[in-house]
Amino acid sequence: MAKKDAHWMEKAFANSHGQLRKETGAKPGQPISQKALAKAENSKNPTDRKRADLAATARRINKGK
């Protein structure tokens, strides 16, 4: 059985730092709105969809803390 990677989220965000914010037009220091995140999740661009999905996952994980 493979060892779970404790830093999977850091690695997932490392290559696209700030790109989703740039694509959605969100201001630095402010959270990306749910409406903008939903729009990005339904984007034609597959990279934007993946970034938005990852951001939604991170939001759910952080909400529990």
Protein backbone atom coordinates (compact mmCIF):
# COMPACT_ATOMS: atom_id res chain seq x y z
CA MET A 1 0.00 0.00 0.00
CA ALA A 2 1.38 3.38 -0.98
CA LYS A 3 2.01 6.00 1.67
CA LYS A 4 -0.44 8.92 1.53
CA ASP A 5 1.11 12.20 0.55
CA ALA A 6 0.41 14.70 3.33
CA HIS A 7 1.24 17.67 1.09
CA TRP A 8 -0.90 16.84 -1.94
CA MET A 9 -2.72 20.16 -1.80
CA GLU A 10 0.49 22.21 -1.76
CA LYS A 11 1.74 20.33 -4.81
CA ALA A 12 -1.59 20.76 -6.61
CA PHE A 13 -1.55 24.55 -6.16
CA ALA A 14 2.19 25.03 -6.75
CA ASN A 15 2.08 25.26 -10.54
CA SER A 16 -0.96 27.49 -10.83
CA HIS A 17 -0.49 30.01 -8.05
CA GLY A 18 -2.89 32.93 -8.70
CA GLN A 19 -4.05 31.78 -12.13
CA LEU A 20 -7.66 31.10 -11.15
CA ARG A 21 -7.83 34.52 -9.49
CA LYS A 22 -6.46 36.08 -12.68
CA GLU A 23 -9.00 34.24 -14.86
CA THR A 24 -11.98 35.13 -12.64
CA GLY A 25 -10.91 38.75 -12.15
CA ALA A 26 -10.99 38.52 -8.35
CA LYS A 27 -9.07 41.17 -6.45
CA PRO A 28 -5.94 40.17 -4.53
CA GLY A 29 -6.62 39.52 -0.85
CA GLN A 30 -10.34 38.92 -1.45
CA PRO A 31 -11.94 35.47 -1.77
CA ILE A 32 -13.15 34.33 -5.17
CA SER A 33 -16.94 34.61 -5.18
CA GLN A 34 -19.13 31.52 -5.40
CA LYS A 35 -20.65 32.89 -8.61
CA ALA A 36 -17.24 33.32 -10.26
CA LEU A 37 -16.16 29.88 -9.06
CA ALA A 38 -19.31 28.27 -10.47
CA LYS A 39 -18.75 30.04 -13.80
CA ALA A 40 -15.15 28.79 -13.92
CA GLU A 41 -16.28 25.23 -13.11
CA ASN A 42 -18.45 25.33 -16.25
CA SER A 43 -15.80 26.97 -18.44
CA LYS A 44 -14.92 25.61 -21.88
CA ASN A 45 -11.26 25.69 -20.90
CA PRO A 46 -10.41 22.36 -19.20
CA THR A 47 -7.55 23.91 -17.22
CA ASP A 48 -9.85 26.53 -15.72
CA ARG A 49 -12.37 23.81 -14.85
CA LYS A 50 -9.72 21.81 -13.01
CA ARG A 51 -8.46 24.86 -11.13
CA ALA A 52 -12.00 25.82 -10.11
CA ASP A 53 -12.74 22.27 -8.97
CA LEU A 54 -9.57 22.23 -6.89
CA ALA A 55 -10.45 25.61 -5.37
CA ALA A 56 -13.94 24.37 -4.47
CA THR A 57 -12.39 21.31 -2.81
CA ALA A 58 -10.00 23.51 -0.83
CA ARG A 59 -12.90 25.71 0.24
CA ARG A 60 -14.83 22.68 1.55
CA ILE A 61 -11.77 21.38 3.41
CA ASN A 62 -11.04 24.75 5.03
CA LYS A 63 -14.68 25.28 5.96
CA GLY A 64 -14.48 22.28 8.30
CA LYS A 65 -11.55 23.72 10.24
